[in-house]
Amino acid sequence: MNQYETVFILTPVLSDAQMKEAVEKFKGILTAEGAEIINEENWGMKKLAYPIEKKTTGFYQLIEFKAEPSVIEKLELQYRRDERVFRYLTVKQEKYAAQYAEKRRSLKQQKAEEA
């Protein structure tokens, strides 16, 4: 199994419930295909670098997971079919990127515990 990271941008016209439902849909696709979800981060609404479909903001979501390479094709097919998704990017994390991501998660967790 390889470790992957996927970031996708959802349209800003969604309500909170609709956004969470879309995220759960993609997490469900991953778990149904046997992927192990390591981390999930909601980055919230952010300004886009350039307008996409006449919209200047979008909901950003990050999911880190371990899966077989065949799962990526199925996940990205669902991204393309879903009209709520503007853009997406899925990358395979190399050894050092995975270590960095682990370190970043642990630092974030420590800060949350201190607060």
C-alpha atoms as a PDB file:
ATOM      1  CA  MET A   1       0.000   0.000   0.000  1.00  0.00           C
ATOM      2  CA  ASN A   2       1.160   3.494  -0.839  1.00  0.00           C
ATOM      3  CA  GLN A   3       0.491   6.655   1.127  1.00  0.00           C
ATOM      4  CA  TYR A   4      -1.437   9.365  -0.734  1.00  0.00           C
ATOM      5  CA  GLU A   5      -2.667  12.873  -0.090  1.00  0.00           C
ATOM      6  CA  THR A   6      -5.642  14.354  -1.902  1.00  0.00           C
ATOM      7  CA  VAL A   7      -6.826  17.955  -1.803  1.00  0.00           C
ATOM      8  CA  PHE A   8     -10.075  19.004  -3.416  1.00  0.00           C
ATOM      9  CA  ILE A   9     -11.973  22.286  -3.677  1.00  0.00           C
ATOM     10  CA  LEU A  10     -15.749  22.342  -3.316  1.00  0.00           C
ATOM     11  CA  THR A  11     -18.031  25.064  -4.671  1.00  0.00           C
ATOM     12  CA  PRO A  12     -18.707  27.904  -2.166  1.00  0.00           C
ATOM     13  CA  VAL A  13     -22.488  27.852  -2.666  1.00  0.00           C
ATOM     14  CA  LEU A  14     -22.834  24.719  -0.516  1.00  0.00           C
ATOM     15  CA  SER A  15     -24.187  24.856   3.025  1.00  0.00           C
ATOM     16  CA  ASP A  16     -22.120  23.358   5.852  1.00  0.00           C
ATOM     17  CA  ALA A  17     -24.236  20.201   5.813  1.00  0.00           C
ATOM     18  CA  GLN A  18     -23.868  19.783   2.043  1.00  0.00           C
ATOM     19  CA  MET A  19     -20.104  20.281   2.268  1.00  0.00           C
ATOM     20  CA  LYS A  20     -19.773  17.683   5.043  1.00  0.00           C
ATOM     21  CA  GLU A  21     -21.953  15.272   3.068  1.00  0.00           C
ATOM     22  CA  ALA A  22     -19.700  15.645   0.007  1.00  0.00           C
ATOM     23  CA  VAL A  23     -16.586  14.992   2.120  1.00  0.00           C
ATOM     24  CA  GLU A  24     -18.223  11.912   3.688  1.00  0.00           C
ATOM     25  CA  LYS A  25     -19.058  10.639   0.189  1.00  0.00           C
ATOM     26  CA  PHE A  26     -15.390  10.717  -0.851  1.00  0.00           C
ATOM     27  CA  LYS A  27     -14.235   9.205   2.446  1.00  0.00           C
ATOM     28  CA  GLY A  28     -16.825   6.456   1.928  1.00  0.00           C
ATOM     29  CA  ILE A  29     -15.458   5.737  -1.548  1.00  0.00           C
ATOM     30  CA  LEU A  30     -11.966   5.370  -0.081  1.00  0.00           C
ATOM     31  CA  THR A  31     -12.988   3.085   2.776  1.00  0.00           C
ATOM     32  CA  ALA A  32     -15.198   0.979   0.473  1.00  0.00           C
ATOM     33  CA  GLU A  33     -12.132   0.339  -1.708  1.00  0.00           C
ATOM     34  CA  GLY A  34     -10.085  -0.773   1.308  1.00  0.00           C
ATOM     35  CA  ALA A  35      -8.166   2.455   1.918  1.00  0.00           C
ATOM     36  CA  GLU A  36      -7.070   3.430   5.420  1.00  0.00           C
ATOM     37  CA  ILE A  37      -7.730   7.112   6.163  1.00  0.00           C
ATOM     38  CA  ILE A  38      -4.833   8.541   8.179  1.00  0.00           C
ATOM     39  CA  ASN A  39      -5.759  12.206   8.473  1.00  0.00           C
ATOM     40  CA  GLU A  40      -8.462  14.603   7.378  1.00  0.00           C
ATOM     41  CA  GLU A  41      -8.311  18.386   7.512  1.00  0.00           C
ATOM     42  CA  ASN A  42     -10.943  20.940   6.649  1.00  0.00           C
ATOM     43  CA  TRP A  43      -9.077  24.078   5.596  1.00  0.00           C
ATOM     44  CA  GLY A  44     -12.318  26.036   5.298  1.00  0.00           C
ATOM     45  CA  MET A  45     -13.278  28.641   2.725  1.00  0.00           C
ATOM     46  CA  LYS A  46     -10.312  30.235   1.002  1.00  0.00           C
ATOM     47  CA  LYS A  47      -9.863  32.706  -1.823  1.00  0.00           C
ATOM     48  CA  LEU A  48      -8.875  31.114  -5.127  1.00  0.00           C
ATOM     49  CA  ALA A  49      -5.789  32.318  -7.014  1.00  0.00           C
ATOM     50  CA  TYR A  50      -7.977  32.882 -10.086  1.00  0.00           C
ATOM     51  CA  PRO A  51     -11.736  32.647 -10.733  1.00  0.00           C
ATOM     52  CA  ILE A  52     -13.108  29.201 -11.574  1.00  0.00           C
ATOM     53  CA  GLU A  53     -16.611  29.095 -13.088  1.00  0.00           C
ATOM     54  CA  LYS A  54     -16.998  32.780 -12.066  1.00  0.00           C
ATOM     55  CA  LYS A  55     -16.404  31.927  -8.398  1.00  0.00           C
ATOM     56  CA  THR A  56     -13.522  33.404  -6.390  1.00  0.00           C
ATOM     57  CA  THR A  57     -13.692  31.237  -3.232  1.00  0.00           C
ATOM     58  CA  GLY A  58     -14.018  27.545  -2.414  1.00  0.00           C
ATOM     59  CA  PHE A  59     -14.028  25.029   0.441  1.00  0.00           C
ATOM     60  CA  TYR A  60     -10.657  23.261   0.674  1.00  0.00           C
ATOM     61  CA  GLN A  61     -10.414  19.720   2.070  1.00  0.00           C
ATOM     62  CA  LEU A  62      -7.363  17.484   2.608  1.00  0.00           C
ATOM     63  CA  ILE A  63      -7.436  13.712   3.117  1.00  0.00           C
ATOM     64  CA  GLU A  64      -4.339  11.589   3.738  1.00  0.00           C
ATOM     65  CA  PHE A  65      -4.755   7.844   3.245  1.00  0.00           C
ATOM     66  CA  LYS A  66      -3.040   4.549   2.488  1.00  0.00           C
ATOM     67  CA  ALA A  67      -4.374   2.596  -0.470  1.00  0.00           C
ATOM     68  CA  GLU A  68      -3.578   0.481  -3.478  1.00  0.00           C
ATOM     69  CA  PRO A  69      -2.847   2.432  -6.702  1.00  0.00           C
ATOM     70  CA  SER A  70      -6.073   1.209  -8.346  1.00  0.00           C
ATOM     71  CA  VAL A  71      -8.142   3.156  -5.787  1.00  0.00           C
ATOM     72  CA  ILE A  72      -6.878   6.510  -7.105  1.00  0.00           C
ATOM     73  CA  GLU A  73      -8.474   6.001 -10.507  1.00  0.00           C
ATOM     74  CA  LYS A  74     -11.870   5.265  -8.926  1.00  0.00           C
ATOM     75  CA  LEU A  75     -11.604   8.244  -6.558  1.00  0.00           C
ATOM     76  CA  GLU A  76     -10.684  10.695  -9.313  1.00  0.00           C
ATOM     77  CA  LEU A  77     -13.509   9.388 -11.516  1.00  0.00           C
ATOM     78  CA  GLN A  78     -15.934  10.320  -8.730  1.00  0.00           C
ATOM     79  CA  TYR A  79     -14.307  13.764  -8.416  1.00  0.00           C
ATOM     80  CA  ARG A  80     -14.892  14.355 -12.132  1.00  0.00           C
ATOM     81  CA  ARG A  81     -18.509  13.190 -11.918  1.00  0.00           C
ATOM     82  CA  ASP A  82     -19.386  15.342  -8.904  1.00  0.00           C
ATOM     83  CA  GLU A  83     -20.437  18.867  -9.900  1.00  0.00           C
ATOM     84  CA  ARG A  84     -19.616  20.195  -6.416  1.00  0.00           C
ATOM     85  CA  VAL A  85     -15.871  19.641  -6.978  1.00  0.00           C
ATOM     86  CA  PHE A  86     -13.977  22.452  -8.754  1.00  0.00           C
ATOM     87  CA  ARG A  87     -10.464  21.086  -8.682  1.00  0.00           C
ATOM     88  CA  TYR A  88      -8.651  18.143  -7.123  1.00  0.00           C
ATOM     89  CA  LEU A  89      -5.112  16.895  -6.818  1.00  0.00           C
ATOM     90  CA  THR A  90      -3.954  13.511  -5.556  1.00  0.00           C
ATOM     91  CA  VAL A  91      -0.261  12.831  -4.982  1.00  0.00           C
ATOM     92  CA  LYS A  92       1.666   9.811  -3.785  1.00  0.00           C
ATOM     93  CA  GLN A  93       3.759  10.697  -0.760  1.00  0.00           C
ATOM     94  CA  GLU A  94       7.350   9.569  -0.862  1.00  0.00           C
ATOM     95  CA  LYS A  95       9.095   8.409   2.315  1.00  0.00           C
ATOM     96  CA  TYR A  96      10.256  11.876   3.377  1.00  0.00           C
ATOM     97  CA  ALA A  97       6.940  13.548   2.572  1.00  0.00           C
ATOM     98  CA  ALA A  98       5.130  10.956   4.695  1.00  0.00           C
ATOM     99  CA  GLN A  99       7.552  11.595   7.575  1.00  0.00           C
ATOM    100  CA  TYR A 100       7.021  15.348   7.269  1.00  0.00           C
ATOM    101  CA  ALA A 101       3.239  14.907   7.251  1.00  0.00           C
ATOM    102  CA  GLU A 102       3.465  12.749  10.393  1.00  0.00           C
ATOM    103  CA  LYS A 103       5.595  15.395  12.120  1.00  0.00           C
ATOM    104  CA  ARG A 104       3.179  18.149  11.072  1.00  0.00           C
ATOM    105  CA  ARG A 105       0.204  16.178  12.457  1.00  0.00           C
ATOM    106  CA  SER A 106       1.944  15.546  15.783  1.00  0.00           C
ATOM    107  CA  LEU A 107       2.868  19.241  16.166  1.00  0.00           C
ATOM    108  CA  LYS A 108      -0.699  20.240  15.371  1.00  0.00           C
ATOM    109  CA  GLN A 109      -1.992  17.753  17.945  1.00  0.00           C
ATOM    110  CA  GLN A 110       0.407  19.078  20.598  1.00  0.00           C
ATOM    111  CA  LYS A 111      -0.761  22.647  20.000  1.00  0.00           C
ATOM    112  CA  ALA A 112      -4.389  21.534  20.286  1.00  0.00           C
ATOM    113  CA  GLU A 113      -3.667  19.782  23.595  1.00  0.00           C
ATOM    114  CA  GLU A 114      -1.895  22.866  24.985  1.00  0.00           C
ATOM    115  CA  ALA A 115      -4.822  25.161  24.172  1.00  0.00           C
END
